Amino acid sequence: MAMTSTPYDALRRLRELAARGQLSTLCERHDITLLVVHGSALDAEPLRPARDLDIAFQARHGAAYDVVALTNDLIEAAAFEAVDVMDLRRANSVARARALAPGSLVLHEAESGVFARAQMAALTTAMETRHLRRLDLELLAG
């Protein structure tokens, strides 16, 4: 399959695959319960055009998954090589909150409510730890 030229084309392709249920099949094969797109490819008025497609995922609890295989399958599905994949369970609180912020696009949810629960947990953790990040910055500043 020929690669697409922009992250916008890749996003369009993934949306089409999601609508046909093919992306759910890919996610089930990798034990993925949540797949979201976030970042500049979704920005209606970006400061500069998107160069990559940012995708975050959450695997089923206790699942043994292969991030490299998932990334390769997403690159093939999107027909776009500049795909950045983030494991939500391993990401820090700020990255997780940004990936799950309002405006992100859910491409796959294993069951209703997975995104909402992950989003509430991520945003709550980011808010509750904000003072610790400020302290770190103050300590670094000396």
C-alpha atoms as a PDB file:
ATOM      1  CA  MET A   1       0.000   0.000   0.000  1.00  0.00           C
ATOM      2  CA  ALA A   2       1.262   3.475  -0.860  1.00  0.00           C
ATOM      3  CA  MET A   3       1.990   5.763   2.063  1.00  0.00           C
ATOM      4  CA  THR A   4      -0.121   8.896   2.484  1.00  0.00           C
ATOM      5  CA  SER A   5       1.645  12.220   2.428  1.00  0.00           C
ATOM      6  CA  THR A   6       0.210  14.051   5.445  1.00  0.00           C
ATOM      7  CA  PRO A   7      -0.991  13.302   8.961  1.00  0.00           C
ATOM      8  CA  TYR A   8      -4.373  14.708   7.922  1.00  0.00           C
ATOM      9  CA  ASP A   9      -4.682  12.027   5.222  1.00  0.00           C
ATOM     10  CA  ALA A  10      -3.587   9.398   7.755  1.00  0.00           C
ATOM     11  CA  LEU A  11      -6.203  10.594  10.237  1.00  0.00           C
ATOM     12  CA  ARG A  12      -8.887  10.485   7.563  1.00  0.00           C
ATOM     13  CA  ARG A  13      -7.867   6.927   6.733  1.00  0.00           C
ATOM     14  CA  LEU A  14      -7.954   5.807  10.388  1.00  0.00           C
ATOM     15  CA  ARG A  15     -11.401   7.373  10.818  1.00  0.00           C
ATOM     16  CA  GLU A  16     -12.637   5.416   7.803  1.00  0.00           C
ATOM     17  CA  LEU A  17     -11.170   2.184   9.200  1.00  0.00           C
ATOM     18  CA  ALA A  18     -12.784   2.900  12.572  1.00  0.00           C
ATOM     19  CA  ALA A  19     -16.163   3.478  10.933  1.00  0.00           C
ATOM     20  CA  ARG A  20     -15.895   0.119   9.137  1.00  0.00           C
ATOM     21  CA  GLY A  21     -14.849  -1.710  12.325  1.00  0.00           C
ATOM     22  CA  GLN A  22     -11.414  -2.614  10.989  1.00  0.00           C
ATOM     23  CA  LEU A  23      -9.595  -0.550  13.591  1.00  0.00           C
ATOM     24  CA  SER A  24     -11.478  -2.364  16.366  1.00  0.00           C
ATOM     25  CA  THR A  25     -10.212  -5.649  14.944  1.00  0.00           C
ATOM     26  CA  LEU A  26      -6.646  -4.344  15.048  1.00  0.00           C
ATOM     27  CA  CYS A  27      -7.107  -3.141  18.643  1.00  0.00           C
ATOM     28  CA  GLU A  28      -8.619  -6.436  19.783  1.00  0.00           C
ATOM     29  CA  ARG A  29      -5.666  -8.307  18.282  1.00  0.00           C
ATOM     30  CA  HIS A  30      -3.317  -6.174  20.416  1.00  0.00           C
ATOM     31  CA  ASP A  31      -5.485  -6.182  23.596  1.00  0.00           C
ATOM     32  CA  ILE A  32      -6.059  -2.428  23.265  1.00  0.00           C
ATOM     33  CA  THR A  33      -9.065  -1.051  25.147  1.00  0.00           C
ATOM     34  CA  LEU A  34      -8.654   2.586  24.148  1.00  0.00           C
ATOM     35  CA  LEU A  35      -7.140   4.277  21.103  1.00  0.00           C
ATOM     36  CA  VAL A  36      -7.184   8.065  20.746  1.00  0.00           C
ATOM     37  CA  VAL A  37      -5.674  10.643  18.436  1.00  0.00           C
ATOM     38  CA  HIS A  38      -4.416  13.854  20.016  1.00  0.00           C
ATOM     39  CA  GLY A  39      -2.092  16.665  19.119  1.00  0.00           C
ATOM     40  CA  SER A  40      -1.601  18.991  16.203  1.00  0.00           C
ATOM     41  CA  ALA A  41      -3.370  16.868  13.566  1.00  0.00           C
ATOM     42  CA  LEU A  42      -6.636  17.703  15.380  1.00  0.00           C
ATOM     43  CA  ASP A  43      -5.908  21.404  15.847  1.00  0.00           C
ATOM     44  CA  ALA A  44      -8.295  23.486  13.726  1.00  0.00           C
ATOM     45  CA  GLU A  45      -5.878  26.440  13.740  1.00  0.00           C
ATOM     46  CA  PRO A  46      -2.361  25.060  14.224  1.00  0.00           C
ATOM     47  CA  LEU A  47       0.610  27.361  14.578  1.00  0.00           C
ATOM     48  CA  ARG A  48       2.278  25.204  11.937  1.00  0.00           C
ATOM     49  CA  PRO A  49       0.977  22.238   9.933  1.00  0.00           C
ATOM     50  CA  ALA A  50       1.117  18.875  11.684  1.00  0.00           C
ATOM     51  CA  ARG A  51       4.103  16.720  10.762  1.00  0.00           C
ATOM     52  CA  ASP A  52       3.104  13.558  12.583  1.00  0.00           C
ATOM     53  CA  LEU A  53       0.074  11.758  13.926  1.00  0.00           C
ATOM     54  CA  ASP A  54      -0.037  11.398  17.710  1.00  0.00           C
ATOM     55  CA  ILE A  55      -1.869   8.294  18.925  1.00  0.00           C
ATOM     56  CA  ALA A  56      -2.293   7.173  22.519  1.00  0.00           C
ATOM     57  CA  PHE A  57      -3.445   3.742  23.630  1.00  0.00           C
ATOM     58  CA  GLN A  58      -4.412   1.875  26.745  1.00  0.00           C
ATOM     59  CA  ALA A  59      -3.948  -1.884  26.871  1.00  0.00           C
ATOM     60  CA  ARG A  60      -6.179  -4.264  28.760  1.00  0.00           C
ATOM     61  CA  HIS A  61      -5.021  -4.663  32.415  1.00  0.00           C
ATOM     62  CA  GLY A  62      -2.523  -7.500  32.663  1.00  0.00           C
ATOM     63  CA  ALA A  63      -2.212  -7.920  28.906  1.00  0.00           C
ATOM     64  CA  ALA A  64       1.163  -8.731  27.398  1.00  0.00           C
ATOM     65  CA  TYR A  65       1.341  -6.401  24.420  1.00  0.00           C
ATOM     66  CA  ASP A  66       4.015  -5.471  21.916  1.00  0.00           C
ATOM     67  CA  VAL A  67       4.273  -1.706  21.380  1.00  0.00           C
ATOM     68  CA  VAL A  68       6.495  -2.126  18.320  1.00  0.00           C
ATOM     69  CA  ALA A  69       4.027  -4.502  16.645  1.00  0.00           C
ATOM     70  CA  LEU A  70       1.138  -2.153  17.486  1.00  0.00           C
ATOM     71  CA  THR A  71       3.056   0.814  16.094  1.00  0.00           C
ATOM     72  CA  ASN A  72       3.862  -1.066  12.894  1.00  0.00           C
ATOM     73  CA  ASP A  73       0.216  -2.078  12.464  1.00  0.00           C
ATOM     74  CA  LEU A  74      -0.931   1.522  13.020  1.00  0.00           C
ATOM     75  CA  ILE A  75       1.615   2.787  10.485  1.00  0.00           C
ATOM     76  CA  GLU A  76       0.328   0.259   7.981  1.00  0.00           C
ATOM     77  CA  ALA A  77      -3.327   1.047   8.753  1.00  0.00           C
ATOM     78  CA  ALA A  78      -2.762   4.799   8.480  1.00  0.00           C
ATOM     79  CA  ALA A  79      -0.466   4.388   5.467  1.00  0.00           C
ATOM     80  CA  PHE A  80       1.733   7.000   7.124  1.00  0.00           C
ATOM     81  CA  GLU A  81       5.155   6.532   8.692  1.00  0.00           C
ATOM     82  CA  ALA A  82       5.264   9.504  11.077  1.00  0.00           C
ATOM     83  CA  VAL A  83       3.036   7.956  13.727  1.00  0.00           C
ATOM     84  CA  ASP A  84       3.948   8.657  17.357  1.00  0.00           C
ATOM     85  CA  VAL A  85       2.479   6.128  19.783  1.00  0.00           C
ATOM     86  CA  MET A  86       2.074   6.740  23.526  1.00  0.00           C
ATOM     87  CA  ASP A  87       1.288   4.050  26.095  1.00  0.00           C
ATOM     88  CA  LEU A  88      -1.112   5.782  28.471  1.00  0.00           C
ATOM     89  CA  ARG A  89      -0.259   3.453  31.350  1.00  0.00           C
ATOM     90  CA  ARG A  90       3.448   4.351  31.119  1.00  0.00           C
ATOM     91  CA  ALA A  91       3.095   8.054  30.280  1.00  0.00           C
ATOM     92  CA  ASN A  92       3.590  10.707  32.932  1.00  0.00           C
ATOM     93  CA  SER A  93       0.579  12.530  34.331  1.00  0.00           C
ATOM     94  CA  VAL A  94       0.945  15.606  32.129  1.00  0.00           C
ATOM     95  CA  ALA A  95       1.316  13.633  28.893  1.00  0.00           C
ATOM     96  CA  ARG A  96      -1.632  11.413  29.833  1.00  0.00           C
ATOM     97  CA  ALA A  97      -3.833  14.432  30.641  1.00  0.00           C
ATOM     98  CA  ARG A  98      -2.921  16.142  27.368  1.00  0.00           C
ATOM     99  CA  ALA A  99      -3.571  13.030  25.291  1.00  0.00           C
ATOM    100  CA  LEU A 100      -6.984  12.539  26.921  1.00  0.00           C
ATOM    101  CA  ALA A 101      -7.971  16.214  27.084  1.00  0.00           C
ATOM    102  CA  PRO A 102     -11.168  17.530  25.558  1.00  0.00           C
ATOM    103  CA  GLY A 103     -10.575  17.708  21.838  1.00  0.00           C
ATOM    104  CA  SER A 104      -8.873  14.340  21.522  1.00  0.00           C
ATOM    105  CA  LEU A 105     -10.513  11.903  19.139  1.00  0.00           C
ATOM    106  CA  VAL A 106     -11.525   8.437  20.275  1.00  0.00           C
ATOM    107  CA  LEU A 107     -10.950   5.888  17.510  1.00  0.00           C
ATOM    108  CA  HIS A 108     -11.587   2.756  19.595  1.00  0.00           C
ATOM    109  CA  GLU A 109     -13.202   2.036  22.934  1.00  0.00           C
ATOM    110  CA  ALA A 110     -13.506  -1.615  23.943  1.00  0.00           C
ATOM    111  CA  GLU A 111     -16.617  -0.741  25.907  1.00  0.00           C
ATOM    112  CA  SER A 112     -18.586   2.374  26.624  1.00  0.00           C
ATOM    113  CA  GLY A 113     -17.026   4.519  29.341  1.00  0.00           C
ATOM    114  CA  VAL A 114     -13.387   3.471  28.924  1.00  0.00           C
ATOM    115  CA  PHE A 115     -12.411   6.889  27.579  1.00  0.00           C
ATOM    116  CA  ALA A 116     -14.425   8.813  30.192  1.00  0.00           C
ATOM    117  CA  ARG A 117     -12.882   6.882  33.081  1.00  0.00           C
ATOM    118  CA  ALA A 118      -9.349   7.236  31.691  1.00  0.00           C
ATOM    119  CA  GLN A 119      -9.885  10.946  31.030  1.00  0.00           C
ATOM    120  CA  MET A 120     -11.237  11.656  34.520  1.00  0.00           C
ATOM    121  CA  ALA A 121      -8.362   9.757  36.139  1.00  0.00           C
ATOM    122  CA  ALA A 122      -5.745  11.517  33.996  1.00  0.00           C
ATOM    123  CA  LEU A 123      -7.089  15.013  34.544  1.00  0.00           C
ATOM    124  CA  THR A 124      -7.563  14.450  38.275  1.00  0.00           C
ATOM    125  CA  THR A 125      -4.013  13.128  38.692  1.00  0.00           C
ATOM    126  CA  ALA A 126      -2.586  16.058  36.729  1.00  0.00           C
ATOM    127  CA  MET A 127      -4.500  18.548  38.891  1.00  0.00           C
ATOM    128  CA  GLU A 128      -3.601  16.837  42.158  1.00  0.00           C
ATOM    129  CA  THR A 129       0.108  16.734  41.334  1.00  0.00           C
ATOM    130  CA  ARG A 130       0.428  20.221  39.880  1.00  0.00           C
ATOM    131  CA  HIS A 131       1.869  21.637  43.098  1.00  0.00           C
ATOM    132  CA  LEU A 132       4.601  18.978  43.046  1.00  0.00           C
ATOM    133  CA  ARG A 133       5.624  19.932  39.510  1.00  0.00           C
ATOM    134  CA  ARG A 134       5.796  23.583  40.601  1.00  0.00           C
ATOM    135  CA  LEU A 135       8.020  22.631  43.523  1.00  0.00           C
ATOM    136  CA  ASP A 136      10.317  20.740  41.158  1.00  0.00           C
ATOM    137  CA  LEU A 137      10.603  23.830  38.943  1.00  0.00           C
ATOM    138  CA  GLU A 138      11.350  26.045  41.935  1.00  0.00           C
ATOM    139  CA  LEU A 139      14.068  23.652  43.100  1.00  0.00           C
ATOM    140  CA  LEU A 140      15.593  23.567  39.636  1.00  0.00           C
ATOM    141  CA  ALA A 141      15.539  27.346  39.413  1.00  0.00           C
ATOM    142  CA  GLY A 142      17.506  27.485  42.654  1.00  0.00           C
END
